[in-house]
PDB file of N, CA and C in Angstrom:
ATOM      1  N   UNK A   1       3.930  -6.126 -14.187  1.00  0.00           N
ATOM      2  CA  UNK A   1       4.211  -4.836 -13.581  1.00  0.00           C
ATOM      3  C   UNK A   1       3.497  -3.755 -14.384  1.00  0.00           C
ATOM      4  N   UNK A   2       3.144  -2.682 -13.721  1.00  0.00           N
ATOM      5  CA  UNK A   2       2.425  -1.570 -14.322  1.00  0.00           C
ATOM      6  C   UNK A   2       3.394  -0.706 -15.133  1.00  0.00           C
ATOM      7  N   UNK A   3       2.977  -0.291 -16.289  1.00  0.00           N
ATOM      8  CA  UNK A   3       3.816   0.550 -17.143  1.00  0.00           C
ATOM      9  C   UNK A   3       3.514   2.019 -16.893  1.00  0.00           C
ATOM     10  N   UNK A   4       4.382   2.889 -17.411  1.00  0.00           N
ATOM     11  CA  UNK A   4       4.167   4.330 -17.283  1.00  0.00           C
ATOM     12  C   UNK A   4       2.855   4.736 -17.943  1.00  0.00           C
ATOM     13  N   UNK A   5       2.512   4.085 -19.047  1.00  0.00           N
ATOM     14  CA  UNK A   5       1.246   4.380 -19.721  1.00  0.00           C
ATOM     15  C   UNK A   5       0.066   4.087 -18.794  1.00  0.00           C
ATOM     16  N   UNK A   6       0.147   2.961 -18.078  1.00  0.00           N
ATOM     17  CA  UNK A   6      -0.912   2.611 -17.134  1.00  0.00           C
ATOM     18  C   UNK A   6      -1.049   3.660 -16.036  1.00  0.00           C
ATOM     19  N   UNK A   7       0.090   4.198 -15.601  1.00  0.00           N
ATOM     20  CA  UNK A   7       0.067   5.174 -14.512  1.00  0.00           C
ATOM     21  C   UNK A   7      -0.605   6.476 -14.909  1.00  0.00           C
ATOM     22  N   UNK A   8      -0.707   6.745 -16.214  1.00  0.00           N
ATOM     23  CA  UNK A   8      -1.379   7.957 -16.671  1.00  0.00           C
ATOM     24  C   UNK A   8      -2.861   7.936 -16.371  1.00  0.00           C
ATOM     25  N   UNK A   9      -3.452   6.760 -16.283  1.00  0.00           N
ATOM     26  CA  UNK A   9      -4.885   6.662 -16.063  1.00  0.00           C
ATOM     27  C   UNK A   9      -5.164   6.147 -14.656  1.00  0.00           C
ATOM     28  N   UNK A  10      -5.140   7.037 -13.677  1.00  0.00           N
ATOM     29  CA  UNK A  10      -5.294   6.660 -12.275  1.00  0.00           C
ATOM     30  C   UNK A  10      -6.648   6.026 -11.988  1.00  0.00           C
ATOM     31  N   UNK A  11      -7.680   6.372 -12.733  1.00  0.00           N
ATOM     32  CA  UNK A  11      -9.000   5.788 -12.486  1.00  0.00           C
ATOM     33  C   UNK A  11      -8.970   4.279 -12.665  1.00  0.00           C
ATOM     34  N   UNK A  12      -8.252   3.800 -13.673  1.00  0.00           N
ATOM     35  CA  UNK A  12      -8.158   2.362 -13.901  1.00  0.00           C
ATOM     36  C   UNK A  12      -7.319   1.683 -12.825  1.00  0.00           C
ATOM     37  N   UNK A  13      -6.265   2.355 -12.369  1.00  0.00           N
ATOM     38  CA  UNK A  13      -5.391   1.767 -11.366  1.00  0.00           C
ATOM     39  C   UNK A  13      -6.098   1.560 -10.041  1.00  0.00           C
ATOM     40  N   UNK A  14      -6.937   2.490  -9.677  1.00  0.00           N
ATOM     41  CA  UNK A  14      -7.633   2.393  -8.403  1.00  0.00           C
ATOM     42  C   UNK A  14      -9.055   1.930  -8.631  1.00  0.00           C
ATOM     43  N   UNK A  15      -9.140   0.815  -9.329  1.00  0.00           N
ATOM     44  CA  UNK A  15     -10.443   0.234  -9.576  1.00  0.00           C
ATOM     45  C   UNK A  15     -11.059  -0.200  -8.256  1.00  0.00           C
ATOM     46  N   UNK A  16     -12.329  -0.347  -8.270  1.00  0.00           N
ATOM     47  CA  UNK A  16     -13.107  -0.709  -7.089  1.00  0.00           C
ATOM     48  C   UNK A  16     -12.578  -1.981  -6.439  1.00  0.00           C
ATOM     49  N   UNK A  17     -12.393  -1.933  -5.130  1.00  0.00           N
ATOM     50  CA  UNK A  17     -12.022  -3.124  -4.368  1.00  0.00           C
ATOM     51  C   UNK A  17     -13.273  -3.634  -3.673  1.00  0.00           C
ATOM     52  N   UNK A  18     -13.743  -4.823  -4.031  1.00  0.00           N
ATOM     53  CA  UNK A  18     -14.978  -5.340  -3.442  1.00  0.00           C
ATOM     54  C   UNK A  18     -14.803  -5.658  -1.958  1.00  0.00           C
ATOM     55  N   UNK A  19     -15.847  -5.437  -1.151  1.00  0.00           N
ATOM     56  CA  UNK A  19     -15.760  -5.673   0.290  1.00  0.00           C
ATOM     57  C   UNK A  19     -15.330  -7.089   0.667  1.00  0.00           C
ATOM     58  N   UNK A  20     -15.668  -8.096  -0.140  1.00  0.00           N
ATOM     59  CA  UNK A  20     -15.298  -9.466   0.236  1.00  0.00           C
ATOM     60  C   UNK A  20     -13.780  -9.649   0.300  1.00  0.00           C
ATOM     61  N   UNK A  21     -13.025  -8.760  -0.374  1.00  0.00           N
ATOM     62  CA  UNK A  21     -11.565  -8.852  -0.330  1.00  0.00           C
ATOM     63  C   UNK A  21     -11.001  -8.199   0.923  1.00  0.00           C
ATOM     64  N   UNK A  22     -11.841  -7.550   1.700  1.00  0.00           N
ATOM     65  CA  UNK A  22     -11.379  -6.806   2.863  1.00  0.00           C
ATOM     66  C   UNK A  22     -11.605  -7.539   4.180  1.00  0.00           C
ATOM     67  N   UNK A  23     -12.331  -8.640   4.145  1.00  0.00           N
ATOM     68  CA  UNK A  23     -12.579  -9.424   5.364  1.00  0.00           C
ATOM     69  C   UNK A  23     -12.547 -10.910   5.019  1.00  0.00           C
ATOM     70  N   UNK A  24     -11.969 -11.680   5.919  1.00  0.00           N
ATOM     71  CA  UNK A  24     -11.904 -13.130   5.737  1.00  0.00           C
ATOM     72  C   UNK A  24     -13.223 -13.770   6.174  1.00  0.00           C
ATOM     73  N   UNK A  25     -13.528 -14.940   5.648  1.00  0.00           N
ATOM     74  CA  UNK A  25     -14.762 -15.652   6.004  1.00  0.00           C
ATOM     75  C   UNK A  25     -14.889 -15.863   7.501  1.00  0.00           C
ATOM     76  N   UNK A  26     -13.773 -16.168   8.163  1.00  0.00           N
ATOM     77  CA  UNK A  26     -13.811 -16.462   9.595  1.00  0.00           C
ATOM     78  C   UNK A  26     -13.804 -15.209  10.477  1.00  0.00           C
ATOM     79  N   UNK A  27     -13.689 -14.020   9.879  1.00  0.00           N
ATOM     80  CA  UNK A  27     -13.715 -12.778  10.657  1.00  0.00           C
ATOM     81  C   UNK A  27     -15.097 -12.555  11.262  1.00  0.00           C
ATOM     82  N   UNK A  28     -15.140 -11.834  12.382  1.00  0.00           N
ATOM     83  CA  UNK A  28     -16.437 -11.555  13.005  1.00  0.00           C
ATOM     84  C   UNK A  28     -17.306 -10.653  12.118  1.00  0.00           C
ATOM     85  N   UNK A  29     -18.579 -10.650  12.411  1.00  0.00           N
ATOM     86  CA  UNK A  29     -19.522  -9.865  11.596  1.00  0.00           C
ATOM     87  C   UNK A  29     -19.166  -8.381  11.579  1.00  0.00           C
ATOM     88  N   UNK A  30     -18.565  -7.887  12.657  1.00  0.00           N
ATOM     89  CA  UNK A  30     -18.182  -6.468  12.688  1.00  0.00           C
ATOM     90  C   UNK A  30     -17.145  -6.150  11.617  1.00  0.00           C
ATOM     91  N   UNK A  31     -16.251  -7.105  11.326  1.00  0.00           N
ATOM     92  CA  UNK A  31     -15.256  -6.893  10.265  1.00  0.00           C
ATOM     93  C   UNK A  31     -15.924  -6.816   8.899  1.00  0.00           C
ATOM     94  N   UNK A  32     -16.923  -7.651   8.687  1.00  0.00           N
ATOM     95  CA  UNK A  32     -17.647  -7.627   7.416  1.00  0.00           C
ATOM     96  C   UNK A  32     -18.453  -6.332   7.276  1.00  0.00           C
ATOM     97  N   UNK A  33     -19.032  -5.862   8.378  1.00  0.00           N
ATOM     98  CA  UNK A  33     -19.763  -4.593   8.352  1.00  0.00           C
ATOM     99  C   UNK A  33     -18.808  -3.438   8.040  1.00  0.00           C
ATOM    100  N   UNK A  34     -17.633  -3.457   8.653  1.00  0.00           N
ATOM    101  CA  UNK A  34     -16.636  -2.411   8.394  1.00  0.00           C
ATOM    102  C   UNK A  34     -16.186  -2.448   6.939  1.00  0.00           C
ATOM    103  N   UNK A  35     -15.999  -3.645   6.396  1.00  0.00           N
ATOM    104  CA  UNK A  35     -15.582  -3.778   4.997  1.00  0.00           C
ATOM    105  C   UNK A  35     -16.620  -3.179   4.059  1.00  0.00           C
ATOM    106  N   UNK A  36     -17.888  -3.320   4.404  1.00  0.00           N
ATOM    107  CA  UNK A  36     -18.966  -2.751   3.583  1.00  0.00           C
ATOM    108  C   UNK A  36     -18.998  -1.225   3.663  1.00  0.00           C
ATOM    109  N   UNK A  37     -18.555  -0.670   4.800  1.00  0.00           N
ATOM    110  CA  UNK A  37     -18.711   0.772   5.012  1.00  0.00           C
ATOM    111  C   UNK A  37     -17.496   1.602   4.603  1.00  0.00           C
ATOM    112  N   UNK A  38     -16.313   0.987   4.523  1.00  0.00           N
ATOM    113  CA  UNK A  38     -15.104   1.747   4.229  1.00  0.00           C
ATOM    114  C   UNK A  38     -14.967   2.000   2.726  1.00  0.00           C
ATOM    115  N   UNK A  39     -14.417   3.157   2.395  1.00  0.00           N
ATOM    116  CA  UNK A  39     -14.123   3.462   0.992  1.00  0.00           C
ATOM    117  C   UNK A  39     -12.674   3.047   0.746  1.00  0.00           C
ATOM    118  N   UNK A  40     -12.465   1.752   0.558  1.00  0.00           N
ATOM    119  CA  UNK A  40     -11.120   1.201   0.411  1.00  0.00           C
ATOM    120  C   UNK A  40     -10.401   1.764  -0.801  1.00  0.00           C
ATOM    121  N   UNK A  41     -11.115   1.986  -1.863  1.00  0.00           N
ATOM    122  CA  UNK A  41     -10.493   2.494  -3.090  1.00  0.00           C
ATOM    123  C   UNK A  41      -9.887   3.873  -2.844  1.00  0.00           C
ATOM    124  N   UNK A  42     -10.608   4.730  -2.141  1.00  0.00           N
ATOM    125  CA  UNK A  42     -10.093   6.067  -1.821  1.00  0.00           C
ATOM    126  C   UNK A  42      -8.835   5.957  -0.958  1.00  0.00           C
ATOM    127  N   UNK A  43      -8.883   5.126   0.075  1.00  0.00           N
ATOM    128  CA  UNK A  43      -7.728   4.987   0.962  1.00  0.00           C
ATOM    129  C   UNK A  43      -6.540   4.351   0.248  1.00  0.00           C
ATOM    130  N   UNK A  44      -6.797   3.438  -0.680  1.00  0.00           N
ATOM    131  CA  UNK A  44      -5.702   2.868  -1.468  1.00  0.00           C
ATOM    132  C   UNK A  44      -4.974   3.982  -2.220  1.00  0.00           C
ATOM    133  N   UNK A  45      -5.735   4.891  -2.793  1.00  0.00           N
ATOM    134  CA  UNK A  45      -5.126   5.979  -3.547  1.00  0.00           C
ATOM    135  C   UNK A  45      -4.333   6.898  -2.621  1.00  0.00           C
ATOM    136  N   UNK A  46      -4.874   7.201  -1.453  1.00  0.00           N
ATOM    137  CA  UNK A  46      -4.173   8.061  -0.491  1.00  0.00           C
ATOM    138  C   UNK A  46      -2.847   7.418  -0.085  1.00  0.00           C
ATOM    139  N   UNK A  47      -2.888   6.145   0.277  1.00  0.00           N
ATOM    140  CA  UNK A  47      -1.673   5.443   0.707  1.00  0.00           C
ATOM    141  C   UNK A  47      -0.682   5.333  -0.451  1.00  0.00           C
ATOM    142  N   UNK A  48      -1.177   5.008  -1.641  1.00  0.00           N
ATOM    143  CA  UNK A  48      -0.303   4.921  -2.814  1.00  0.00           C
ATOM    144  C   UNK A  48       0.411   6.250  -3.055  1.00  0.00           C
ATOM    145  N   UNK A  49      -0.313   7.340  -2.985  1.00  0.00           N
ATOM    146  CA  UNK A  49       0.289   8.652  -3.261  1.00  0.00           C
ATOM    147  C   UNK A  49       1.395   8.987  -2.268  1.00  0.00           C
ATOM    148  N   UNK A  50       1.245   8.568  -1.025  1.00  0.00           N
ATOM    149  CA  UNK A  50       2.307   8.775  -0.042  1.00  0.00           C
ATOM    150  C   UNK A  50       3.531   7.937  -0.418  1.00  0.00           C
ATOM    151  N   UNK A  51       3.325   6.662  -0.708  1.00  0.00           N
ATOM    152  CA  UNK A  51       4.438   5.785  -1.081  1.00  0.00           C
ATOM    153  C   UNK A  51       5.114   6.308  -2.351  1.00  0.00           C
ATOM    154  N   UNK A  52       4.329   6.707  -3.324  1.00  0.00           N
ATOM    155  CA  UNK A  52       4.861   7.238  -4.581  1.00  0.00           C
ATOM    156  C   UNK A  52       5.686   8.500  -4.319  1.00  0.00           C
ATOM    157  N   UNK A  53       5.279   9.291  -3.342  1.00  0.00           N
ATOM    158  CA  UNK A  53       5.974  10.531  -3.011  1.00  0.00           C
ATOM    159  C   UNK A  53       7.400  10.327  -2.501  1.00  0.00           C
ATOM    160  N   UNK A  54       7.724   9.144  -2.040  1.00  0.00           N
ATOM    161  CA  UNK A  54       9.079   8.866  -1.585  1.00  0.00           C
ATOM    162  C   UNK A  54      10.019   8.562  -2.746  1.00  0.00           C
ATOM    163  N   UNK A  55       9.465   8.434  -3.936  1.00  0.00           N
ATOM    164  CA  UNK A  55      10.273   8.268  -5.139  1.00  0.00           C
ATOM    165  C   UNK A  55      11.135   7.030  -5.135  1.00  0.00           C
ATOM    166  N   UNK A  56      12.301   7.095  -5.804  1.00  0.00           N
ATOM    167  CA  UNK A  56      13.174   5.940  -5.963  1.00  0.00           C
ATOM    168  C   UNK A  56      13.761   5.401  -4.649  1.00  0.00           C
ATOM    169  N   UNK A  57      13.749   6.203  -3.595  1.00  0.00           N
ATOM    170  CA  UNK A  57      14.299   5.716  -2.321  1.00  0.00           C
ATOM    171  C   UNK A  57      13.332   4.789  -1.607  1.00  0.00           C
ATOM    172  N   UNK A  58      12.056   4.813  -1.982  1.00  0.00           N
ATOM    173  CA  UNK A  58      11.072   3.970  -1.333  1.00  0.00           C
ATOM    174  C   UNK A  58      10.849   4.390   0.109  1.00  0.00           C
ATOM    175  N   UNK A  59      10.069   3.619   0.836  1.00  0.00           N
ATOM    176  CA  UNK A  59       9.765   3.957   2.221  1.00  0.00           C
ATOM    177  C   UNK A  59       9.387   2.700   2.983  1.00  0.00           C
ATOM    178  N   UNK A  60       9.357   2.825   4.295  1.00  0.00           N
ATOM    179  CA  UNK A  60       8.874   1.742   5.147  1.00  0.00           C
ATOM    180  C   UNK A  60       7.535   2.176   5.730  1.00  0.00           C
ATOM    181  N   UNK A  61       6.838   1.245   6.312  1.00  0.00           N
ATOM    182  CA  UNK A  61       5.515   1.517   6.856  1.00  0.00           C
ATOM    183  C   UNK A  61       5.535   2.656   7.870  1.00  0.00           C
ATOM    184  N   UNK A  62       6.555   2.712   8.727  1.00  0.00           N
ATOM    185  CA  UNK A  62       6.639   3.800   9.712  1.00  0.00           C
ATOM    186  C   UNK A  62       6.572   5.168   9.046  1.00  0.00           C
ATOM    187  N   UNK A  63       7.202   5.304   7.890  1.00  0.00           N
ATOM    188  CA  UNK A  63       7.206   6.588   7.188  1.00  0.00           C
ATOM    189  C   UNK A  63       5.822   6.926   6.641  1.00  0.00           C
ATOM    190  N   UNK A  64       5.137   5.927   6.107  1.00  0.00           N
ATOM    191  CA  UNK A  64       3.777   6.138   5.603  1.00  0.00           C
ATOM    192  C   UNK A  64       2.864   6.526   6.765  1.00  0.00           C
ATOM    193  N   UNK A  65       2.983   5.809   7.873  1.00  0.00           N
ATOM    194  CA  UNK A  65       2.152   6.091   9.050  1.00  0.00           C
ATOM    195  C   UNK A  65       2.412   7.493   9.601  1.00  0.00           C
ATOM    196  N   UNK A  66       3.659   7.947   9.523  1.00  0.00           N
ATOM    197  CA  UNK A  66       3.987   9.296   9.994  1.00  0.00           C
ATOM    198  C   UNK A  66       3.302  10.357   9.132  1.00  0.00           C
ATOM    199  N   UNK A  67       3.347  10.184   7.829  1.00  0.00           N
ATOM    200  CA  UNK A  67       2.711  11.145   6.924  1.00  0.00           C
ATOM    201  C   UNK A  67       1.193  11.148   7.118  1.00  0.00           C
ATOM    202  N   UNK A  68       0.632   9.974   7.329  1.00  0.00           N
ATOM    203  CA  UNK A  68      -0.831   9.841   7.467  1.00  0.00           C
ATOM    204  C   UNK A  68      -1.238   9.658   8.929  1.00  0.00           C
ATOM    205  N   UNK A  69      -0.578  10.370   9.812  1.00  0.00           N
ATOM    206  CA  UNK A  69      -0.813  10.198  11.245  1.00  0.00           C
ATOM    207  C   UNK A  69      -2.241  10.538  11.673  1.00  0.00           C
ATOM    208  N   UNK A  70      -2.983  11.238  10.849  1.00  0.00           N
ATOM    209  CA  UNK A  70      -4.380  11.575  11.164  1.00  0.00           C
ATOM    210  C   UNK A  70      -5.338  10.415  10.854  1.00  0.00           C
ATOM    211  N   UNK A  71      -4.809   9.322  10.286  1.00  0.00           N
ATOM    212  CA  UNK A  71      -5.605   8.111  10.027  1.00  0.00           C
ATOM    213  C   UNK A  71      -5.193   7.024  11.009  1.00  0.00           C
ATOM    214  N   UNK A  72      -6.065   6.079  11.222  1.00  0.00           N
ATOM    215  CA  UNK A  72      -5.766   4.958  12.113  1.00  0.00           C
ATOM    216  C   UNK A  72      -4.769   4.004  11.452  1.00  0.00           C
ATOM    217  N   UNK A  73      -3.959   3.375  12.291  1.00  0.00           N
ATOM    218  CA  UNK A  73      -2.949   2.420  11.843  1.00  0.00           C
ATOM    219  C   UNK A  73      -3.551   1.373  10.906  1.00  0.00           C
ATOM    220  N   UNK A  74      -4.635   0.742  11.340  1.00  0.00           N
ATOM    221  CA  UNK A  74      -5.221  -0.351  10.562  1.00  0.00           C
ATOM    222  C   UNK A  74      -5.840   0.134   9.252  1.00  0.00           C
ATOM    223  N   UNK A  75      -6.273   1.371   9.208  1.00  0.00           N
ATOM    224  CA  UNK A  75      -6.825   1.930   7.969  1.00  0.00           C
ATOM    225  C   UNK A  75      -5.735   2.022   6.904  1.00  0.00           C
ATOM    226  N   UNK A  76      -4.540   2.342   7.333  1.00  0.00           N
ATOM    227  CA  UNK A  76      -3.419   2.497   6.401  1.00  0.00           C
ATOM    228  C   UNK A  76      -2.811   1.149   6.029  1.00  0.00           C
ATOM    229  N   UNK A  77      -2.440   0.371   7.030  1.00  0.00           N
ATOM    230  CA  UNK A  77      -1.709  -0.866   6.757  1.00  0.00           C
ATOM    231  C   UNK A  77      -2.549  -1.893   6.005  1.00  0.00           C
ATOM    232  N   UNK A  78      -3.849  -1.830   6.154  1.00  0.00           N
ATOM    233  CA  UNK A  78      -4.719  -2.758   5.425  1.00  0.00           C
ATOM    234  C   UNK A  78      -4.696  -2.504   3.917  1.00  0.00           C
ATOM    235  N   UNK A  79      -4.250  -1.356   3.487  1.00  0.00           N
ATOM    236  CA  UNK A  79      -4.215  -1.023   2.054  1.00  0.00           C
ATOM    237  C   UNK A  79      -3.009  -1.620   1.345  1.00  0.00           C
ATOM    238  N   UNK A  80      -1.953  -1.946   2.066  1.00  0.00           N
ATOM    239  CA  UNK A  80      -0.729  -2.440   1.431  1.00  0.00           C
ATOM    240  C   UNK A  80      -0.989  -3.682   0.576  1.00  0.00           C
ATOM    241  N   UNK A  81      -1.735  -4.623   1.094  1.00  0.00           N
ATOM    242  CA  UNK A  81      -1.967  -5.882   0.379  1.00  0.00           C
ATOM    243  C   UNK A  81      -2.619  -5.634  -0.980  1.00  0.00           C
ATOM    244  N   UNK A  82      -3.671  -4.837  -1.014  1.00  0.00           N
ATOM    245  CA  UNK A  82      -4.348  -4.564  -2.284  1.00  0.00           C
ATOM    246  C   UNK A  82      -3.441  -3.822  -3.254  1.00  0.00           C
ATOM    247  N   UNK A  83      -2.657  -2.876  -2.749  1.00  0.00           N
ATOM    248  CA  UNK A  83      -1.745  -2.134  -3.622  1.00  0.00           C
ATOM    249  C   UNK A  83      -0.699  -3.067  -4.234  1.00  0.00           C
ATOM    250  N   UNK A  84      -0.228  -4.034  -3.459  1.00  0.00           N
ATOM    251  CA  UNK A  84       0.725  -5.009  -3.994  1.00  0.00           C
ATOM    252  C   UNK A  84       0.044  -5.931  -4.999  1.00  0.00           C
ATOM    253  N   UNK A  85      -1.160  -6.400  -4.673  1.00  0.00           N
ATOM    254  CA  UNK A  85      -1.883  -7.290  -5.597  1.00  0.00           C
ATOM    255  C   UNK A  85      -2.192  -6.605  -6.915  1.00  0.00           C
ATOM    256  N   UNK A  86      -2.462  -5.322  -6.902  1.00  0.00           N
ATOM    257  CA  UNK A  86      -2.750  -4.570  -8.124  1.00  0.00           C
ATOM    258  C   UNK A  86      -1.484  -4.192  -8.879  1.00  0.00           C
ATOM    259  N   UNK A  87      -0.320  -4.477  -8.299  1.00  0.00           N
ATOM    260  CA  UNK A  87       0.946  -4.160  -8.962  1.00  0.00           C
ATOM    261  C   UNK A  87       1.359  -2.716  -8.833  1.00  0.00           C
ATOM    262  N   UNK A  88       0.695  -1.971  -7.975  1.00  0.00           N
ATOM    263  CA  UNK A  88       1.024  -0.559  -7.796  1.00  0.00           C
ATOM    264  C   UNK A  88       2.205  -0.353  -6.864  1.00  0.00           C
ATOM    265  N   UNK A  89       2.398  -1.277  -5.939  1.00  0.00           N
ATOM    266  CA  UNK A  89       3.482  -1.193  -4.961  1.00  0.00           C
ATOM    267  C   UNK A  89       4.301  -2.475  -5.046  1.00  0.00           C
ATOM    268  N   UNK A  90       5.614  -2.311  -5.011  1.00  0.00           N
ATOM    269  CA  UNK A  90       6.547  -3.437  -5.089  1.00  0.00           C
ATOM    270  C   UNK A  90       7.318  -3.514  -3.773  1.00  0.00           C
ATOM    271  N   UNK A  91       7.482  -4.740  -3.298  1.00  0.00           N
ATOM    272  CA  UNK A  91       8.286  -5.022  -2.104  1.00  0.00           C
ATOM    273  C   UNK A  91       9.208  -6.178  -2.464  1.00  0.00           C
ATOM    274  N   UNK A  92      10.489  -6.051  -2.119  1.00  0.00           N
ATOM    275  CA  UNK A  92      11.389  -7.181  -2.308  1.00  0.00           C
ATOM    276  C   UNK A  92      12.017  -7.525  -0.958  1.00  0.00           C
ATOM    277  N   UNK A  93      13.218  -8.015  -0.938  1.00  0.00           N
ATOM    278  CA  UNK A  93      13.861  -8.447   0.296  1.00  0.00           C
ATOM    279  C   UNK A  93      14.481  -7.312   1.110  1.00  0.00           C
ATOM    280  N   UNK A  94      14.589  -6.123   0.547  1.00  0.00           N
ATOM    281  CA  UNK A  94      15.284  -5.029   1.227  1.00  0.00           C
ATOM    282  C   UNK A  94      14.491  -4.519   2.422  1.00  0.00           C
ATOM    283  N   UNK A  95      15.219  -4.195   3.484  1.00  0.00           N
ATOM    284  CA  UNK A  95      14.613  -3.731   4.739  1.00  0.00           C
ATOM    285  C   UNK A  95      15.358  -2.511   5.262  1.00  0.00           C
ATOM    286  N   UNK A  96      14.683  -1.779   6.159  1.00  0.00           N
ATOM    287  CA  UNK A  96      15.293  -0.661   6.890  1.00  0.00           C
ATOM    288  C   UNK A  96      14.842  -0.737   8.342  1.00  0.00           C
ATOM    289  N   UNK A  97      15.640  -0.148   9.202  1.00  0.00           N
ATOM    290  CA  UNK A  97      15.305  -0.119  10.622  1.00  0.00           C
ATOM    291  C   UNK A  97      14.095   0.783  10.850  1.00  0.00           C
ATOM    292  N   UNK A  98      13.165   0.271  11.638  1.00  0.00           N
ATOM    293  CA  UNK A  98      11.971   1.019  12.003  1.00  0.00           C
ATOM    294  C   UNK A  98      12.180   1.697  13.357  1.00  0.00           C
ATOM    295  N   UNK A  99      11.220   2.481  13.778  1.00  0.00           N
ATOM    296  CA  UNK A  99      11.277   3.167  15.059  1.00  0.00           C
ATOM    297  C   UNK A  99      11.472   2.167  16.198  1.00  0.00           C
ATOM    298  N   UNK A 100      10.861   1.016  16.068  1.00  0.00           N
ATOM    299  CA  UNK A 100      10.936  -0.026  17.100  1.00  0.00           C
ATOM    300  C   UNK A 100      12.322  -0.647  17.218  1.00  0.00           C
ATOM    301  N   UNK A 101      13.173  -0.411  16.226  1.00  0.00           N
ATOM    302  CA  UNK A 101      14.483  -1.054  16.185  1.00  0.00           C
ATOM    303  C   UNK A 101      14.472  -2.309  15.337  1.00  0.00           C
ATOM    304  N   UNK A 102      13.287  -2.792  15.027  1.00  0.00           N
ATOM    305  CA  UNK A 102      13.157  -3.955  14.137  1.00  0.00           C
ATOM    306  C   UNK A 102      13.199  -3.472  12.696  1.00  0.00           C
ATOM    307  N   UNK A 103      13.342  -4.413  11.775  1.00  0.00           N
ATOM    308  CA  UNK A 103      13.386  -4.060  10.356  1.00  0.00           C
ATOM    309  C   UNK A 103      12.006  -4.142   9.724  1.00  0.00           C
ATOM    310  N   UNK A 104      11.762  -3.251   8.769  1.00  0.00           N
ATOM    311  CA  UNK A 104      10.536  -3.282   7.965  1.00  0.00           C
ATOM    312  C   UNK A 104      10.941  -3.347   6.504  1.00  0.00           C
ATOM    313  N   UNK A 105      10.110  -4.015   5.713  1.00  0.00           N
ATOM    314  CA  UNK A 105      10.357  -4.091   4.275  1.00  0.00           C
ATOM    315  C   UNK A 105      10.172  -2.730   3.621  1.00  0.00           C
ATOM    316  N   UNK A 106      11.002  -2.441   2.639  1.00  0.00           N
ATOM    317  CA  UNK A 106      10.904  -1.200   1.875  1.00  0.00           C
ATOM    318  C   UNK A 106       9.851  -1.385   0.792  1.00  0.00           C
ATOM    319  N   UNK A 107       9.025  -0.357   0.590  1.00  0.00           N
ATOM    320  CA  UNK A 107       7.986  -0.356  -0.450  1.00  0.00           C
ATOM    321  C   UNK A 107       8.291   0.748  -1.456  1.00  0.00           C
ATOM    322  N   UNK A 108       8.026   0.449  -2.707  1.00  0.00           N
ATOM    323  CA  UNK A 108       8.183   1.433  -3.774  1.00  0.00           C
ATOM    324  C   UNK A 108       6.917   1.475  -4.601  1.00  0.00           C
ATOM    325  N   UNK A 109       6.564   2.650  -5.104  1.00  0.00           N
ATOM    326  CA  UNK A 109       5.570   2.719  -6.172  1.00  0.00           C
ATOM    327  C   UNK A 109       6.216   2.021  -7.358  1.00  0.00           C
ATOM    328  N   UNK A 110       5.470   1.206  -8.074  1.00  0.00           N
ATOM    329  CA  UNK A 110       6.064   0.388  -9.137  1.00  0.00           C
ATOM    330  C   UNK A 110       6.830   1.215 -10.156  1.00  0.00           C
ATOM    331  N   UNK A 111       6.421   2.439 -10.410  1.00  0.00           N
ATOM    332  CA  UNK A 111       7.132   3.244 -11.402  1.00  0.00           C
ATOM    333  C   UNK A 111       8.516   3.681 -10.918  1.00  0.00           C
ATOM    334  N   UNK A 112       8.767   3.602  -9.620  1.00  0.00           N
ATOM    335  CA  UNK A 112      10.075   3.981  -9.069  1.00  0.00           C
ATOM    336  C   UNK A 112      10.948   2.779  -8.717  1.00  0.00           C
ATOM    337  N   UNK A 113      10.396   1.592  -8.782  1.00  0.00           N
ATOM    338  CA  UNK A 113      11.140   0.404  -8.341  1.00  0.00           C
ATOM    339  C   UNK A 113      12.262   0.060  -9.301  1.00  0.00           C
ATOM    340  N   UNK A 114      13.412  -0.215  -8.735  1.00  0.00           N
ATOM    341  CA  UNK A 114      14.569  -0.699  -9.489  1.00  0.00           C
ATOM    342  C   UNK A 114      15.123  -1.893  -8.746  1.00  0.00           C
ATOM    343  N   UNK A 115      15.377  -2.975  -9.473  1.00  0.00           N
ATOM    344  CA  UNK A 115      15.997  -4.133  -8.841  1.00  0.00           C
ATOM    345  C   UNK A 115      17.363  -3.740  -8.328  1.00  0.00           C
ATOM    346  N   UNK A 116      17.750  -4.371  -7.244  1.00  0.00           N
ATOM    347  CA  UNK A 116      19.026  -4.097  -6.612  1.00  0.00           C
ATOM    348  C   UNK A 116      20.163  -4.578  -7.507  1.00  0.00           C
ATOM    349  N   UNK A 117      21.202  -3.754  -7.628  1.00  0.00           N
ATOM    350  CA  UNK A 117      22.398  -4.165  -8.377  1.00  0.00           C
ATOM    351  C   UNK A 117      23.183  -5.123  -7.513  1.00  0.00           C
ATOM    352  N   UNK A 118      23.522  -6.262  -8.041  1.00  0.00           N
ATOM    353  CA  UNK A 118      24.293  -7.261  -7.293  1.00  0.00           C
ATOM    354  C   UNK A 118      25.728  -7.351  -7.806  1.00  0.00           C
ATOM    355  N   UNK A 119      26.306  -6.214  -8.059  1.00  0.00           N
ATOM    356  CA  UNK A 119      27.669  -6.205  -8.604  1.00  0.00           C
ATOM    357  C   UNK A 119      28.685  -6.149  -7.498  1.00  0.00           C
TER     358      UNK A 119
END
């Protein structure tokens, strides 16, 4: 997990994400072209800052999408995986009801994440 000291240096946290991590081998050539053209690192930071802004209460994807409504759905949701792999965002078993009525997993910026008390 990322420490508070690590969070002080945002440049290191949002290190370059190589295009090969953004498209699968079996994806069509258009996906690989898009992966080469997108600034994934910038969007990771934008999405992270929104999630971090929800503080200790965390948020669900619907909330992130609402804040970033001027971006496309896939531009935002594609960033979650990298943020989790880098340890910047934590997801556990907790869920909340989404607009659809279905449940979505709660996401926290790692500096705000607290394990659930099971008392």
